[in-house]
Amino acid sequence: MQTKYNIVKQAIKSQILDGTYQPHQKISSESELMKQFGVSRHTVRLAIGDLVNQGWLYREQGAGTFCADRSREDAIGRNQQKI
């Protein structure tokens, strides 16, 4: 069985991959995610924190959490694989 935080994390990541969230677009608030998944704020923060650390999201103090622009990272990764 998957942990609640992994379910939230995978759902957000899926929304990024399927284009629901575009680069630099603000994602749902912690409160909205808590209601959507029926989990605590702590669980949502863990999931978001992991995605920030992995480069999927970024935070701006006072503004919220946003989808990172991974197109540049993906291009760098492809170029490194060619070397």
PDB file of N, CA and C in Angstrom:
ATOM      1  N   MET A   1       0.834  -1.189   0.000  1.00  0.00           N
ATOM      2  CA  MET A   1       0.000   0.000   0.000  1.00  0.00           C
ATOM      3  C   MET A   1       0.881   1.256   0.000  1.00  0.00           C
ATOM      4  N   GLN A   2       0.546   2.212  -0.850  1.00  0.00           N
ATOM      5  CA  GLN A   2       1.292   3.461  -0.932  1.00  0.00           C
ATOM      6  C   GLN A   2       0.961   4.369   0.241  1.00  0.00           C
ATOM      7  N   THR A   3       1.964   5.140   0.668  1.00  0.00           N
ATOM      8  CA  THR A   3       1.715   6.117   1.726  1.00  0.00           C
ATOM      9  C   THR A   3       0.885   7.274   1.169  1.00  0.00           C
ATOM     10  N   LYS A   4       0.201   7.974   2.054  1.00  0.00           N
ATOM     11  CA  LYS A   4      -0.632   9.101   1.628  1.00  0.00           C
ATOM     12  C   LYS A   4       0.221  10.161   0.949  1.00  0.00           C
ATOM     13  N   TYR A   5       1.398  10.405   1.516  1.00  0.00           N
ATOM     14  CA  TYR A   5       2.245  11.451   0.939  1.00  0.00           C
ATOM     15  C   TYR A   5       2.723  11.065  -0.454  1.00  0.00           C
ATOM     16  N   ASN A   6       2.979   9.784  -0.697  1.00  0.00           N
ATOM     17  CA  ASN A   6       3.377   9.330  -2.032  1.00  0.00           C
ATOM     18  C   ASN A   6       2.235   9.453  -3.030  1.00  0.00           C
ATOM     19  N   ILE A   7       1.020   9.223  -2.580  1.00  0.00           N
ATOM     20  CA  ILE A   7      -0.156   9.373  -3.447  1.00  0.00           C
ATOM     21  C   ILE A   7      -0.285  10.828  -3.887  1.00  0.00           C
ATOM     22  N   VAL A   8      -0.150  11.761  -2.940  1.00  0.00           N
ATOM     23  CA  VAL A   8      -0.237  13.193  -3.247  1.00  0.00           C
ATOM     24  C   VAL A   8       0.904  13.574  -4.191  1.00  0.00           C
ATOM     25  N   LYS A   9       2.103  13.143  -3.868  1.00  0.00           N
ATOM     26  CA  LYS A   9       3.291  13.457  -4.668  1.00  0.00           C
ATOM     27  C   LYS A   9       3.133  12.957  -6.109  1.00  0.00           C
ATOM     28  N   GLN A  10       2.703  11.719  -6.276  1.00  0.00           N
ATOM     29  CA  GLN A  10       2.541  11.154  -7.618  1.00  0.00           C
ATOM     30  C   GLN A  10       1.423  11.857  -8.397  1.00  0.00           C
ATOM     31  N   ALA A  11       0.370  12.253  -7.701  1.00  0.00           N
ATOM     32  CA  ALA A  11      -0.742  12.948  -8.369  1.00  0.00           C
ATOM     33  C   ALA A  11      -0.278  14.306  -8.904  1.00  0.00           C
ATOM     34  N   ILE A  12       0.485  15.042  -8.099  1.00  0.00           N
ATOM     35  CA  ILE A  12       0.988  16.348  -8.547  1.00  0.00           C
ATOM     36  C   ILE A  12       1.953  16.152  -9.709  1.00  0.00           C
ATOM     37  N   LYS A  13       2.842  15.175  -9.588  1.00  0.00           N
ATOM     38  CA  LYS A  13       3.811  14.892 -10.656  1.00  0.00           C
ATOM     39  C   LYS A  13       3.088  14.511 -11.945  1.00  0.00           C
ATOM     40  N   SER A  14       2.029  13.724 -11.843  1.00  0.00           N
ATOM     41  CA  SER A  14       1.244  13.336 -13.018  1.00  0.00           C
ATOM     42  C   SER A  14       0.617  14.546 -13.683  1.00  0.00           C
ATOM     43  N   GLN A  15       0.129  15.487 -12.867  1.00  0.00           N
ATOM     44  CA  GLN A  15      -0.485  16.699 -13.417  1.00  0.00           C
ATOM     45  C   GLN A  15       0.547  17.562 -14.134  1.00  0.00           C
ATOM     46  N   ILE A  16       1.781  17.525 -13.664  1.00  0.00           N
ATOM     47  CA  ILE A  16       2.847  18.252 -14.357  1.00  0.00           C
ATOM     48  C   ILE A  16       3.143  17.571 -15.690  1.00  0.00           C
ATOM     49  N   LEU A  17       3.262  16.257 -15.667  1.00  0.00           N
ATOM     50  CA  LEU A  17       3.603  15.497 -16.875  1.00  0.00           C
ATOM     51  C   LEU A  17       2.500  15.541 -17.925  1.00  0.00           C
ATOM     52  N   ASP A  18       1.237  15.569 -17.485  1.00  0.00           N
ATOM     53  CA  ASP A  18       0.145  15.577 -18.474  1.00  0.00           C
ATOM     54  C   ASP A  18      -0.223  16.996 -18.936  1.00  0.00           C
ATOM     55  N   GLY A  19       0.488  17.997 -18.416  1.00  0.00           N
ATOM     56  CA  GLY A  19       0.268  19.367 -18.883  1.00  0.00           C
ATOM     57  C   GLY A  19      -0.792  20.147 -18.128  1.00  0.00           C
ATOM     58  N   THR A  20      -1.367  19.548 -17.076  1.00  0.00           N
ATOM     59  CA  THR A  20      -2.343  20.276 -16.262  1.00  0.00           C
ATOM     60  C   THR A  20      -1.681  21.524 -15.681  1.00  0.00           C
ATOM     61  N   TYR A  21      -0.452  21.355 -15.215  1.00  0.00           N
ATOM     62  CA  TYR A  21       0.339  22.484 -14.728  1.00  0.00           C
ATOM     63  C   TYR A  21       1.421  22.791 -15.746  1.00  0.00           C
ATOM     64  N   GLN A  22       1.438  24.021 -16.221  1.00  0.00           N
ATOM     65  CA  GLN A  22       2.448  24.490 -17.167  1.00  0.00           C
ATOM     66  C   GLN A  22       3.615  25.093 -16.384  1.00  0.00           C
ATOM     67  N   PRO A  23       4.801  25.180 -16.994  1.00  0.00           N
ATOM     68  CA  PRO A  23       5.940  25.803 -16.310  1.00  0.00           C
ATOM     69  C   PRO A  23       5.576  27.192 -15.779  1.00  0.00           C
ATOM     70  N   HIS A  24       5.955  27.447 -14.545  1.00  0.00           N
ATOM     71  CA  HIS A  24       5.759  28.710 -13.832  1.00  0.00           C
ATOM     72  C   HIS A  24       4.304  28.970 -13.440  1.00  0.00           C
ATOM     73  N   GLN A  25       3.430  27.985 -13.618  1.00  0.00           N
ATOM     74  CA  GLN A  25       2.039  28.108 -13.190  1.00  0.00           C
ATOM     75  C   GLN A  25       1.936  27.732 -11.717  1.00  0.00           C
ATOM     76  N   LYS A  26       1.151  28.496 -10.978  1.00  0.00           N
ATOM     77  CA  LYS A  26       0.943  28.222  -9.558  1.00  0.00           C
ATOM     78  C   LYS A  26       0.110  26.954  -9.404  1.00  0.00           C
ATOM     79  N   ILE A  27       0.541  26.070  -8.500  1.00  0.00           N
ATOM     80  CA  ILE A  27      -0.241  24.853  -8.246  1.00  0.00           C
ATOM     81  C   ILE A  27      -1.294  25.150  -7.182  1.00  0.00           C
ATOM     82  N   SER A  28      -2.164  24.195  -6.943  1.00  0.00           N
ATOM     83  CA  SER A  28      -3.202  24.343  -5.925  1.00  0.00           C
ATOM     84  C   SER A  28      -2.576  24.641  -4.567  1.00  0.00           C
ATOM     85  N   SER A  29      -3.309  25.372  -3.736  1.00  0.00           N
ATOM     86  CA  SER A  29      -2.812  25.707  -2.403  1.00  0.00           C
ATOM     87  C   SER A  29      -2.765  24.453  -1.527  1.00  0.00           C
ATOM     88  N   GLU A  30      -2.017  24.561  -0.424  1.00  0.00           N
ATOM     89  CA  GLU A  30      -1.958  23.442   0.518  1.00  0.00           C
ATOM     90  C   GLU A  30      -3.359  23.082   1.007  1.00  0.00           C
ATOM     91  N   SER A  31      -4.164  24.093   1.292  1.00  0.00           N
ATOM     92  CA  SER A  31      -5.534  23.853   1.781  1.00  0.00           C
ATOM     93  C   SER A  31      -6.365  23.101   0.745  1.00  0.00           C
ATOM     94  N   GLU A  32      -6.244  23.510  -0.521  1.00  0.00           N
ATOM     95  CA  GLU A  32      -6.996  22.828  -1.590  1.00  0.00           C
ATOM     96  C   GLU A  32      -6.532  21.386  -1.735  1.00  0.00           C
ATOM     97  N   LEU A  33      -5.222  21.165  -1.665  1.00  0.00           N
ATOM     98  CA  LEU A  33      -4.692  19.801  -1.782  1.00  0.00           C
ATOM     99  C   LEU A  33      -5.120  18.946  -0.589  1.00  0.00           C
ATOM    100  N   MET A  34      -5.174  19.548   0.604  1.00  0.00           N
ATOM    101  CA  MET A  34      -5.641  18.823   1.788  1.00  0.00           C
ATOM    102  C   MET A  34      -7.068  18.326   1.582  1.00  0.00           C
ATOM    103  N   LYS A  35      -7.933  19.204   1.072  1.00  0.00           N
ATOM    104  CA  LYS A  35      -9.331  18.827   0.827  1.00  0.00           C
ATOM    105  C   LYS A  35      -9.430  17.786  -0.274  1.00  0.00           C
ATOM    106  N   GLN A  36      -8.673  17.995  -1.360  1.00  0.00           N
ATOM    107  CA  GLN A  36      -8.734  17.099  -2.516  1.00  0.00           C
ATOM    108  C   GLN A  36      -8.352  15.668  -2.143  1.00  0.00           C
ATOM    109  N   PHE A  37      -7.314  15.516  -1.310  1.00  0.00           N
ATOM    110  CA  PHE A  37      -6.814  14.176  -0.985  1.00  0.00           C
ATOM    111  C   PHE A  37      -7.231  13.685   0.395  1.00  0.00           C
ATOM    112  N   GLY A  38      -7.877  14.540   1.171  1.00  0.00           N
ATOM    113  CA  GLY A  38      -8.312  14.144   2.510  1.00  0.00           C
ATOM    114  C   GLY A  38      -7.143  13.819   3.424  1.00  0.00           C
ATOM    115  N   VAL A  39      -6.095  14.651   3.355  1.00  0.00           N
ATOM    116  CA  VAL A  39      -4.894  14.421   4.162  1.00  0.00           C
ATOM    117  C   VAL A  39      -4.571  15.676   4.975  1.00  0.00           C
ATOM    118  N   SER A  40      -3.611  15.555   5.870  1.00  0.00           N
ATOM    119  CA  SER A  40      -3.207  16.682   6.715  1.00  0.00           C
ATOM    120  C   SER A  40      -2.275  17.632   5.966  1.00  0.00           C
ATOM    121  N   ARG A  41      -2.111  18.820   6.517  1.00  0.00           N
ATOM    122  CA  ARG A  41      -1.188  19.806   5.944  1.00  0.00           C
ATOM    123  C   ARG A  41       0.236  19.246   5.943  1.00  0.00           C
ATOM    124  N   HIS A  42       0.586  18.527   6.999  1.00  0.00           N
ATOM    125  CA  HIS A  42       1.925  17.929   7.096  1.00  0.00           C
ATOM    126  C   HIS A  42       2.187  17.000   5.908  1.00  0.00           C
ATOM    127  N   THR A  43       1.212  16.179   5.568  1.00  0.00           N
ATOM    128  CA  THR A  43       1.342  15.248   4.445  1.00  0.00           C
ATOM    129  C   THR A  43       1.542  15.999   3.134  1.00  0.00           C
ATOM    130  N   VAL A  44       0.759  17.060   2.922  1.00  0.00           N
ATOM    131  CA  VAL A  44       0.877  17.875   1.713  1.00  0.00           C
ATOM    132  C   VAL A  44       2.254  18.533   1.659  1.00  0.00           C
ATOM    133  N   ARG A  45       2.709  19.060   2.794  1.00  0.00           N
ATOM    134  CA  ARG A  45       4.022  19.723   2.833  1.00  0.00           C
ATOM    135  C   ARG A  45       5.156  18.755   2.536  1.00  0.00           C
ATOM    136  N   LEU A  46       5.053  17.528   3.035  1.00  0.00           N
ATOM    137  CA  LEU A  46       6.074  16.511   2.738  1.00  0.00           C
ATOM    138  C   LEU A  46       6.141  16.237   1.233  1.00  0.00           C
ATOM    139  N   ALA A  47       4.984  16.063   0.625  1.00  0.00           N
ATOM    140  CA  ALA A  47       4.917  15.767  -0.809  1.00  0.00           C
ATOM    141  C   ALA A  47       5.483  16.927  -1.628  1.00  0.00           C
ATOM    142  N   ILE A  48       5.056  18.141  -1.304  1.00  0.00           N
ATOM    143  CA  ILE A  48       5.534  19.316  -2.033  1.00  0.00           C
ATOM    144  C   ILE A  48       7.035  19.501  -1.810  1.00  0.00           C
ATOM    145  N   GLY A  49       7.482  19.313  -0.575  1.00  0.00           N
ATOM    146  CA  GLY A  49       8.905  19.455  -0.264  1.00  0.00           C
ATOM    147  C   GLY A  49       9.765  18.509  -1.081  1.00  0.00           C
ATOM    148  N   ASP A  50       9.322  17.276  -1.217  1.00  0.00           N
ATOM    149  CA  ASP A  50      10.046  16.294  -2.037  1.00  0.00           C
ATOM    150  C   ASP A  50      10.114  16.746  -3.493  1.00  0.00           C
ATOM    151  N   LEU A  51       8.991  17.223  -4.022  1.00  0.00           N
ATOM    152  CA  LEU A  51       8.948  17.661  -5.422  1.00  0.00           C
ATOM    153  C   LEU A  51       9.802  18.909  -5.645  1.00  0.00           C
ATOM    154  N   VAL A  52       9.895  19.771  -4.643  1.00  0.00           N
ATOM    155  CA  VAL A  52      10.782  20.939  -4.731  1.00  0.00           C
ATOM    156  C   VAL A  52      12.228  20.452  -4.782  1.00  0.00           C
ATOM    157  N   ASN A  53      12.581  19.530  -3.885  1.00  0.00           N
ATOM    158  CA  ASN A  53      13.956  19.005  -3.836  1.00  0.00           C
ATOM    159  C   ASN A  53      14.346  18.285  -5.120  1.00  0.00           C
ATOM    160  N   GLN A  54      13.377  17.681  -5.786  1.00  0.00           N
ATOM    161  CA  GLN A  54      13.642  16.953  -7.030  1.00  0.00           C
ATOM    162  C   GLN A  54      13.566  17.846  -8.262  1.00  0.00           C
ATOM    163  N   GLY A  55      13.237  19.124  -8.079  1.00  0.00           N
ATOM    164  CA  GLY A  55      13.217  20.062  -9.193  1.00  0.00           C
ATOM    165  C   GLY A  55      11.923  20.109  -9.986  1.00  0.00           C
ATOM    166  N   TRP A  56      10.857  19.496  -9.474  1.00  0.00           N
ATOM    167  CA  TRP A  56       9.554  19.522 -10.165  1.00  0.00           C
ATOM    168  C   TRP A  56       8.786  20.795  -9.847  1.00  0.00           C
ATOM    169  N   LEU A  57       8.997  21.340  -8.648  1.00  0.00           N
ATOM    170  CA  LEU A  57       8.300  22.543  -8.193  1.00  0.00           C
ATOM    171  C   LEU A  57       9.308  23.519  -7.609  1.00  0.00           C
ATOM    172  N   TYR A  58       8.885  24.769  -7.474  1.00  0.00           N
ATOM    173  CA  TYR A  58       9.684  25.741  -6.730  1.00  0.00           C
ATOM    174  C   TYR A  58       8.741  26.635  -5.940  1.00  0.00           C
ATOM    175  N   ARG A  59       9.263  27.177  -4.846  1.00  0.00           N
ATOM    176  CA  ARG A  59       8.463  28.033  -3.972  1.00  0.00           C
ATOM    177  C   ARG A  59       8.933  29.472  -4.077  1.00  0.00           C
ATOM    178  N   GLU A  60       7.974  30.393  -3.980  1.00  0.00           N
ATOM    179  CA  GLU A  60       8.283  31.817  -3.880  1.00  0.00           C
ATOM    180  C   GLU A  60       7.583  32.319  -2.626  1.00  0.00           C
ATOM    181  N   GLN A  61       8.381  32.827  -1.683  1.00  0.00           N
ATOM    182  CA  GLN A  61       7.829  33.263  -0.414  1.00  0.00           C
ATOM    183  C   GLN A  61       6.750  34.318  -0.633  1.00  0.00           C
ATOM    184  N   GLY A  62       5.610  34.089  -0.014  1.00  0.00           N
ATOM    185  CA  GLY A  62       4.499  35.027  -0.103  1.00  0.00           C
ATOM    186  C   GLY A  62       3.666  34.893  -1.364  1.00  0.00           C
ATOM    187  N   ALA A  63       4.123  34.053  -2.300  1.00  0.00           N
ATOM    188  CA  ALA A  63       3.394  33.910  -3.564  1.00  0.00           C
ATOM    189  C   ALA A  63       2.812  32.511  -3.747  1.00  0.00           C
ATOM    190  N   GLY A  64       3.515  31.487  -3.293  1.00  0.00           N
ATOM    191  CA  GLY A  64       3.010  30.125  -3.432  1.00  0.00           C
ATOM    192  C   GLY A  64       4.030  29.174  -4.022  1.00  0.00           C
ATOM    193  N   THR A  65       3.530  28.047  -4.496  1.00  0.00           N
ATOM    194  CA  THR A  65       4.358  27.000  -5.085  1.00  0.00           C
ATOM    195  C   THR A  65       4.013  26.894  -6.563  1.00  0.00           C
ATOM    196  N   PHE A  66       5.037  26.783  -7.390  1.00  0.00           N
ATOM    197  CA  PHE A  66       4.875  26.831  -8.836  1.00  0.00           C
ATOM    198  C   PHE A  66       5.532  25.623  -9.507  1.00  0.00           C
ATOM    199  N   CYS A  67       5.024  25.303 -10.679  1.00  0.00           N
ATOM    200  CA  CYS A  67       5.586  24.237 -11.499  1.00  0.00           C
ATOM    201  C   CYS A  67       6.912  24.737 -12.091  1.00  0.00           C
ATOM    202  N   ALA A  68       7.947  23.948 -11.944  1.00  0.00           N
ATOM    203  CA  ALA A  68       9.252  24.326 -12.486  1.00  0.00           C
ATOM    204  C   ALA A  68       9.272  24.119 -13.997  1.00  0.00           C
ATOM    205  N   ASP A  69      10.146  24.856 -14.662  1.00  0.00           N
ATOM    206  CA  ASP A  69      10.340  24.687 -16.107  1.00  0.00           C
ATOM    207  C   ASP A  69      11.389  23.609 -16.304  1.00  0.00           C
ATOM    208  N   ARG A  70      10.930  22.407 -16.608  1.00  0.00           N
ATOM    209  CA  ARG A  70      11.841  21.269 -16.735  1.00  0.00           C
ATOM    210  C   ARG A  70      12.369  21.097 -18.160  1.00  0.00           C
ATOM    211  N   SER A  71      11.907  21.897 -19.095  1.00  0.00           N
ATOM    212  CA  SER A  71      12.342  21.733 -20.487  1.00  0.00           C
ATOM    213  C   SER A  71      13.844  21.987 -20.604  1.00  0.00           C
ATOM    214  N   ARG A  72      14.361  22.965 -19.879  1.00  0.00           N
ATOM    215  CA  ARG A  72      15.790  23.268 -19.924  1.00  0.00           C
ATOM    216  C   ARG A  72      16.578  22.121 -19.284  1.00  0.00           C
ATOM    217  N   GLU A  73      16.092  21.625 -18.134  1.00  0.00           N
ATOM    218  CA  GLU A  73      16.750  20.506 -17.467  1.00  0.00           C
ATOM    219  C   GLU A  73      16.760  19.269 -18.344  1.00  0.00           C
ATOM    220  N   ASP A  74      15.636  19.000 -19.001  1.00  0.00           N
ATOM    221  CA  ASP A  74      15.547  17.843 -19.884  1.00  0.00           C
ATOM    222  C   ASP A  74      16.544  17.967 -21.032  1.00  0.00           C
ATOM    223  N   ALA A  75      16.679  19.163 -21.590  1.00  0.00           N
ATOM    224  CA  ALA A  75      17.618  19.386 -22.691  1.00  0.00           C
ATOM    225  C   ALA A  75      19.050  19.185 -22.217  1.00  0.00           C
ATOM    226  N   ILE A  76      19.372  19.659 -21.025  1.00  0.00           N
ATOM    227  CA  ILE A  76      20.718  19.476 -20.471  1.00  0.00           C
ATOM    228  C   ILE A  76      20.982  17.985 -20.275  1.00  0.00           C
ATOM    229  N   GLY A  77      19.986  17.276 -19.720  1.00  0.00           N
ATOM    230  CA  GLY A  77      20.131  15.838 -19.503  1.00  0.00           C
ATOM    231  C   GLY A  77      20.366  15.086 -20.806  1.00  0.00           C
ATOM    232  N   ARG A  78      19.646  15.459 -21.865  1.00  0.00           N
ATOM    233  CA  ARG A  78      19.827  14.791 -23.162  1.00  0.00           C
ATOM    234  C   ARG A  78      21.220  15.069 -23.719  1.00  0.00           C
ATOM    235  N   ASN A  79      21.691  16.315 -23.572  1.00  0.00           N
ATOM    236  CA  ASN A  79      23.009  16.662 -24.079  1.00  0.00           C
ATOM    237  C   ASN A  79      24.110  15.936 -23.320  1.00  0.00           C
ATOM    238  N   GLN A  80      23.946  15.752 -22.020  1.00  0.00           N
ATOM    239  CA  GLN A  80      24.943  15.050 -21.233  1.00  0.00           C
ATOM    240  C   GLN A  80      24.989  13.571 -21.615  1.00  0.00           C
ATOM    241  N   GLN A  81      23.847  13.005 -21.986  1.00  0.00           N
ATOM    242  CA  GLN A  81      23.812  11.594 -22.358  1.00  0.00           C
ATOM    243  C   GLN A  81      24.550  11.375 -23.678  1.00  0.00           C
ATOM    244  N   LYS A  82      24.595  12.386 -24.540  1.00  0.00           N
ATOM    245  CA  LYS A  82      25.265  12.260 -25.835  1.00  0.00           C
ATOM    246  C   LYS A  82      26.777  12.286 -25.696  1.00  0.00           C
ATOM    247  N   ILE A  83      27.278  12.890 -24.629  1.00  0.00           N
ATOM    248  CA  ILE A  83      28.730  13.067 -24.457  1.00  0.00           C
ATOM    249  C   ILE A  83      29.412  11.751 -24.178  1.00  0.00           C
TER     250      ILE A  83
END
